[in-house]
Each structure stands twice: as structure tokens, then as C-alpha cells.
Amino acid sequence: MSSDQRDILETLKFELAFLEQGGYGRSVHTPRTPTRSFQDSLTCLNFSDPTMPHPCSECFLTDFVPKDAQSENVPCHHIPLTPEGETVDMLREHQLKLEDALRNWLRATIRRIERERAAAAKAEPG
């Protein structure tokens, strides 16, 4: 379990908005350098810091990573995004397919968390 204190729902909503606004498009400054899902947005604890002061294990995204991929260099790139288990790592050469899979995963995950929170709020004694 991560030690990330950010609100997971708000952070995933931010990530979805970032994606939908073209945040993972090629940079005009470095058009030949592909963007990196999660890492190149404010969702990443180490955003814009090449020294990577925070271990990935601190990020809530690692809670979505299968146990056997937790020790990967970039664990969030091993989150299963599709029913077939495709990940950022597997789809990195297919930008449009990757963005579609990431968008669908974010939307589904946001809906699931919202449902869980609504159910928990109903269950709380009022």
C-alpha cells in the first residue's frame, strides 16, 4: 500500500483532464522525444525532477500494479489498462491506442472509486 496522501479521485480526474487536453502530445521543443504516460504529468511524484527523490512505491498508482511488476523501473507503466491486460509499457509504440486505453482505464477507475465512496457514505451512521 502506498503512502501517498493525495486524494486519489481528484488526482485521477486531473490525469484524465490532462490526457484529454492533449497533455501527452509531442512537445514543440522536443518533437522526437515521446512523452511518458503518468511520468510527464503532475500525477507523478517525481514530475520534472530527474533525481527522482521519491520512490515509486510512495505513489498511489503502485496500488494498481500487479505484485509481480512492483519492482519494475517504472511500476505505473505495468498497470493493466485493458481487459486483455495491456499496459503503458506494452502500448508505448502505439500512441493513439495507448491514449485510448489510458482514457478508458481512468474513466472506469474514477467511476469505481466514486461508487465505492458513495456506498461508504451511505453506510456511515448519520
C-alpha atoms as a PDB file:
ATOM      1  CA  MET A   1       0.000   0.000   0.000  1.00  0.00           C
ATOM      2  CA  SER A   2       1.367   3.408  -0.934  1.00  0.00           C
ATOM      3  CA  SER A   3       1.940   6.256   1.484  1.00  0.00           C
ATOM      4  CA  ASP A   4       0.619   8.853  -0.981  1.00  0.00           C
ATOM      5  CA  GLN A   5      -1.571  11.377   0.861  1.00  0.00           C
ATOM      6  CA  ARG A   6      -3.135  12.946  -2.239  1.00  0.00           C
ATOM      7  CA  ASP A   7      -6.820  12.358  -2.922  1.00  0.00           C
ATOM      8  CA  ILE A   8      -6.724   9.529  -5.434  1.00  0.00           C
ATOM      9  CA  LEU A   9     -10.037  10.528  -7.019  1.00  0.00           C
ATOM     10  CA  GLU A  10      -9.028  14.150  -7.588  1.00  0.00           C
ATOM     11  CA  THR A  11      -5.602  13.125  -8.887  1.00  0.00           C
ATOM     12  CA  LEU A  12      -7.079  10.629 -11.362  1.00  0.00           C
ATOM     13  CA  LYS A  13      -9.576  13.261 -12.528  1.00  0.00           C
ATOM     14  CA  PHE A  14      -6.669  15.651 -13.059  1.00  0.00           C
ATOM     15  CA  GLU A  15      -4.795  12.980 -15.026  1.00  0.00           C
ATOM     16  CA  LEU A  16      -7.856  12.371 -17.225  1.00  0.00           C
ATOM     17  CA  ALA A  17      -8.246  16.102 -17.901  1.00  0.00           C
ATOM     18  CA  PHE A  18      -4.525  16.354 -18.695  1.00  0.00           C
ATOM     19  CA  LEU A  19      -4.822  13.479 -21.169  1.00  0.00           C
ATOM     20  CA  GLU A  20      -7.997  14.819 -22.783  1.00  0.00           C
ATOM     21  CA  GLN A  21      -6.431  18.253 -23.221  1.00  0.00           C
ATOM     22  CA  GLY A  22      -3.562  16.763 -25.210  1.00  0.00           C
ATOM     23  CA  GLY A  23      -1.035  16.693 -22.397  1.00  0.00           C
ATOM     24  CA  TYR A  24       0.709  13.645 -23.816  1.00  0.00           C
ATOM     25  CA  GLY A  25       1.156  15.134 -27.267  1.00  0.00           C
ATOM     26  CA  ARG A  26       4.656  15.727 -28.573  1.00  0.00           C
ATOM     27  CA  SER A  27       6.453  18.775 -27.243  1.00  0.00           C
ATOM     28  CA  VAL A  28       7.228  21.520 -29.741  1.00  0.00           C
ATOM     29  CA  HIS A  29      10.630  21.820 -28.064  1.00  0.00           C
ATOM     30  CA  THR A  30      11.487  18.114 -28.345  1.00  0.00           C
ATOM     31  CA  PRO A  31       9.171  16.661 -31.023  1.00  0.00           C
ATOM     32  CA  ARG A  32      11.206  13.491 -31.447  1.00  0.00           C
ATOM     33  CA  THR A  33      11.037  12.621 -27.768  1.00  0.00           C
ATOM     34  CA  PRO A  34       7.898  10.670 -26.910  1.00  0.00           C
ATOM     35  CA  THR A  35       6.019  11.612 -23.777  1.00  0.00           C
ATOM     36  CA  ARG A  36       5.778   9.167 -20.905  1.00  0.00           C
ATOM     37  CA  SER A  37       2.341   8.385 -19.521  1.00  0.00           C
ATOM     38  CA  PHE A  38       1.961   9.316 -15.856  1.00  0.00           C
ATOM     39  CA  GLN A  39       5.607  10.419 -15.569  1.00  0.00           C
ATOM     40  CA  ASP A  40       5.150  13.524 -17.708  1.00  0.00           C
ATOM     41  CA  SER A  41       2.197  14.886 -15.740  1.00  0.00           C
ATOM     42  CA  LEU A  42       1.792  16.319 -12.279  1.00  0.00           C
ATOM     43  CA  THR A  43       0.400  12.938 -11.232  1.00  0.00           C
ATOM     44  CA  CYS A  44       3.993  11.730 -10.886  1.00  0.00           C
ATOM     45  CA  LEU A  45       5.592  12.434  -7.516  1.00  0.00           C
ATOM     46  CA  ASN A  46       8.873  12.953  -9.378  1.00  0.00           C
ATOM     47  CA  PHE A  47       7.468  15.172 -12.143  1.00  0.00           C
ATOM     48  CA  SER A  48      10.189  17.278 -13.728  1.00  0.00           C
ATOM     49  CA  ASP A  49      12.844  16.082 -11.262  1.00  0.00           C
ATOM     50  CA  PRO A  50      15.378  13.751 -12.897  1.00  0.00           C
ATOM     51  CA  THR A  51      16.890  12.903  -9.498  1.00  0.00           C
ATOM     52  CA  MET A  52      13.652  11.048  -8.625  1.00  0.00           C
ATOM     53  CA  PRO A  53      13.704  11.870  -4.892  1.00  0.00           C
ATOM     54  CA  HIS A  54      10.528   9.866  -4.237  1.00  0.00           C
ATOM     55  CA  PRO A  55      10.482   6.104  -4.707  1.00  0.00           C
ATOM     56  CA  CYS A  56       7.629   4.930  -6.912  1.00  0.00           C
ATOM     57  CA  SER A  57       6.382   2.818  -4.008  1.00  0.00           C
ATOM     58  CA  GLU A  58       5.186   6.058  -2.348  1.00  0.00           C
ATOM     59  CA  CYS A  59       2.763   6.792  -5.220  1.00  0.00           C
ATOM     60  CA  PHE A  60      -0.846   5.578  -5.065  1.00  0.00           C
ATOM     61  CA  LEU A  61      -0.544   4.336  -8.659  1.00  0.00           C
ATOM     62  CA  THR A  62       1.545   1.420  -7.403  1.00  0.00           C
ATOM     63  CA  ASP A  63      -1.613   0.159  -5.693  1.00  0.00           C
ATOM     64  CA  PHE A  64      -2.890  -0.678  -9.215  1.00  0.00           C
ATOM     65  CA  VAL A  65       0.299  -2.506 -10.260  1.00  0.00           C
ATOM     66  CA  PRO A  66       0.319  -6.316 -10.102  1.00  0.00           C
ATOM     67  CA  LYS A  67       2.612  -7.686  -7.390  1.00  0.00           C
ATOM     68  CA  ASP A  68       4.996  -9.245  -9.923  1.00  0.00           C
ATOM     69  CA  ALA A  69       5.595  -5.825 -11.548  1.00  0.00           C
ATOM     70  CA  GLN A  70       6.073  -3.778  -8.358  1.00  0.00           C
ATOM     71  CA  SER A  71       9.863  -3.852  -8.703  1.00  0.00           C
ATOM     72  CA  GLU A  72       9.913  -2.627 -12.309  1.00  0.00           C
ATOM     73  CA  ASN A  73      11.802   0.590 -13.020  1.00  0.00           C
ATOM     74  CA  VAL A  74       8.514   2.443 -13.719  1.00  0.00           C
ATOM     75  CA  PRO A  75       5.824   0.358 -11.974  1.00  0.00           C
ATOM     76  CA  CYS A  76       2.893   2.523 -13.152  1.00  0.00           C
ATOM     77  CA  HIS A  77       3.734   1.545 -16.726  1.00  0.00           C
ATOM     78  CA  HIS A  78       2.675  -2.008 -15.787  1.00  0.00           C
ATOM     79  CA  ILE A  79      -0.877  -1.214 -14.664  1.00  0.00           C
ATOM     80  CA  PRO A  80      -3.262  -3.368 -16.730  1.00  0.00           C
ATOM     81  CA  LEU A  81      -5.257  -0.800 -18.708  1.00  0.00           C
ATOM     82  CA  THR A  82      -7.367  -3.091 -20.883  1.00  0.00           C
ATOM     83  CA  PRO A  83      -9.341  -6.285 -20.283  1.00  0.00           C
ATOM     84  CA  GLU A  84      -6.558  -8.053 -22.192  1.00  0.00           C
ATOM     85  CA  GLY A  85      -4.025  -6.772 -19.664  1.00  0.00           C
ATOM     86  CA  GLU A  86      -2.266  -4.327 -21.981  1.00  0.00           C
ATOM     87  CA  THR A  87      -0.113  -1.800 -20.152  1.00  0.00           C
ATOM     88  CA  VAL A  88       1.573   1.522 -20.899  1.00  0.00           C
ATOM     89  CA  ASP A  89       4.791  -0.448 -21.353  1.00  0.00           C
ATOM     90  CA  MET A  90       3.175  -2.727 -23.959  1.00  0.00           C
ATOM     91  CA  LEU A  91       1.423   0.084 -25.847  1.00  0.00           C
ATOM     92  CA  ARG A  92       4.167   2.721 -25.823  1.00  0.00           C
ATOM     93  CA  GLU A  93       4.814   2.344 -29.580  1.00  0.00           C
ATOM     94  CA  HIS A  94       1.126   2.956 -30.392  1.00  0.00           C
ATOM     95  CA  GLN A  95       0.331   6.422 -29.011  1.00  0.00           C
ATOM     96  CA  LEU A  96      -3.330   6.601 -30.068  1.00  0.00           C
ATOM     97  CA  LYS A  97      -4.118   3.119 -28.775  1.00  0.00           C
ATOM     98  CA  LEU A  98      -2.240   3.903 -25.563  1.00  0.00           C
ATOM     99  CA  GLU A  99      -4.167   7.134 -25.021  1.00  0.00           C
ATOM    100  CA  ASP A 100      -7.489   5.373 -25.674  1.00  0.00           C
ATOM    101  CA  ALA A 101      -6.630   2.584 -23.235  1.00  0.00           C
ATOM    102  CA  LEU A 102      -5.430   5.056 -20.612  1.00  0.00           C
ATOM    103  CA  ARG A 103      -8.537   7.241 -21.040  1.00  0.00           C
ATOM    104  CA  ASN A 104     -10.850   4.231 -20.682  1.00  0.00           C
ATOM    105  CA  TRP A 105      -8.954   2.953 -17.642  1.00  0.00           C
ATOM    106  CA  LEU A 106      -9.038   6.364 -15.968  1.00  0.00           C
ATOM    107  CA  ARG A 107     -12.765   6.785 -16.595  1.00  0.00           C
ATOM    108  CA  ALA A 108     -13.576   3.287 -15.315  1.00  0.00           C
ATOM    109  CA  THR A 109     -11.360   3.692 -12.250  1.00  0.00           C
ATOM    110  CA  ILE A 110     -12.843   7.104 -11.428  1.00  0.00           C
ATOM    111  CA  ARG A 111     -16.384   5.689 -11.717  1.00  0.00           C
ATOM    112  CA  ARG A 112     -15.473   2.740  -9.476  1.00  0.00           C
ATOM    113  CA  ILE A 113     -13.957   4.970  -6.792  1.00  0.00           C
ATOM    114  CA  GLU A 114     -16.957   7.323  -6.917  1.00  0.00           C
ATOM    115  CA  ARG A 115     -19.332   4.352  -6.482  1.00  0.00           C
ATOM    116  CA  GLU A 116     -17.265   2.994  -3.587  1.00  0.00           C
ATOM    117  CA  ARG A 117     -17.226   6.382  -1.858  1.00  0.00           C
ATOM    118  CA  ALA A 118     -20.973   6.838  -2.364  1.00  0.00           C
ATOM    119  CA  ALA A 119     -21.643   3.386  -0.905  1.00  0.00           C
ATOM    120  CA  ALA A 120     -19.352   4.099   2.048  1.00  0.00           C
ATOM    121  CA  ALA A 121     -21.102   7.432   2.689  1.00  0.00           C
ATOM    122  CA  LYS A 122     -24.499   5.688   2.697  1.00  0.00           C
ATOM    123  CA  ALA A 123     -23.215   3.066   5.128  1.00  0.00           C
ATOM    124  CA  GLU A 124     -21.939   5.637   7.624  1.00  0.00           C
ATOM    125  CA  PRO A 125     -24.264   6.249  10.545  1.00  0.00           C
ATOM    126  CA  GLY A 126     -25.687   9.693  10.102  1.00  0.00           C
END
